Amino acid sequence: MKSLVNKFVLLFIFLDNIFLPINLGFDFKLNYLVMIGYVFYYMLTHSKINLSIKNLVFFTIGVVLFFGLNFYVGISRFLITKQLALISITLVFSYLFINSYDFDLKKIFKDYIDIIFFASVMVVVQIIGVVFNLNFLIDFSYLGFDTGGIVLNAPRGRFHSWFYEPSFMAYAFAPIVFVSLCKLFRIGNLISKEKALFIIIISLMTQSSIGFLGFLLSISIIGFSKFPILKRPVILFVVAFCFILGSILIYRIPPVKLRVDHTIALFLNENVTADDIVKTNLSTYALYSNYEITKMAFNKNPVFGTGIGTYELNYDTYLNKVIPDITWRKFHKLNRQDANSLFFRILVEMGLFGLLFYLYFVLSRKLKYSSTIKTDSEQSLWIINNGVFVLIFLRLIRQGHYTMLGFILLILIYLISFKQAKAIKATK
């Protein structure tokens, strides 16, 4: 029963685009209600929480300092409180959720794999819908999903299951694509070869630039980790050639080429005009506008930022100063709340201090592959840790929501996988 409930709850974490008609000053998602309900469910069905006093003390001190700093430098206590409340609820849920698995990260990821496999099957359903012109198999909005441009994207060969857009599906798939690639390279035993190959193929059907980047990053991590490429010049040359060739082939995919060409042209232009902006695509406009806003906001508050959750105020303050008077500026407030990039958002809301702390936290807890990693447990922890690392890297580049698609849950898994691997190594 507990296993079934956990898998059901995990599924809802990735049903991130179902909104409820509840007005609390922000869009209230169904999975917020699921997380709150799960906290009460855990309290009623579990007798204890596995948490050391030492970790609790350090965590409490960190939270108090973090809250205090944000309220001190923040430009809006309401937005800071709202964001901290959402993060706190998500954090409590995530820790209790991992507790309910008895910190068995391998089991959590096996359930995660099942959910991504289900999402992949739904893409097949959408393909059938396109072939036979059955809209109800393509657009799932009648089930309550906000599916963005799925009807527009599907005829062009871009599929994203029930997710809002192709990049959202790419984020959800990224850790499991890494798991799948590891299986094809004979690392670990988290997934079958058949399921791994199926998920990889489906993930490429998003035609998402960020998804392709994650695929190349995953291949690079696996290649340089398992094989002594740097010690063998011939192999290094072959790998470099394949990487360049793969990048060229990905670049030639029309949706990717369009966004890359427009982005390069706009960012290399020293005197961007209104005509230059309207000629580009919305993805490039979102990146460019938020980049310019981030520069202005960071220059004004470079050390500690303006407080967590306050990016939207910076957006409203600087948009008219960095973007000419065009229709897009009036009707497309793209990524007003999340900055289009976690890197941009952290830089604005927490400043250079927050960004450096975040980067140190991530990089210091990435597991390195070595020839001593032989047991199934060690391999699984390395795969899980590095799979989440790929996601963290992608989110830094694009997508600045702190809690979307189980991001905090996966950050906790990233931290715990590092600690568990370290503990196994200490016993050898």
Foldseek 3Di string as FASTA:
>chain_A
DLLVLLLVLLLQLLLQFFFDPDDPPDTHHPNLVSLVVVLVVLVVPPDDADDDPVRVVVVVVVVVVQLVLQVVQAPDPVLQVVQVVSVVSLLSSLRSSCVSVVVPVLSVVLSLLVSLLVLLVLQVQLLVCLVVVPVVSFAVVVVRGQQACRVVVVVVQAHQRSDNALVSSLLSCQLVLLVLVCVVVVFFDSDDVVSSVSSNVSNCSNLDPLSLVSNLVSCVQVPVQPDVLVVDVVSVVVVVVVSVVSVVVSCPPVVNVQLVVLLVVQVVDPDDDQVSLVVHDPLSNLLVLLVVLLVVLCVVPAAFANHPSCQLVSSVVCSPVRHPPDPCSVPPCDCSRFSFAQQSRCCHHGHPNSNVVVVCLLVVLQDGHDPPQDDNLSSSLNSLLVSLSSSVVSRRNGPRDCCRSNNSSSVVSNNSSSVVNVVVVVVD
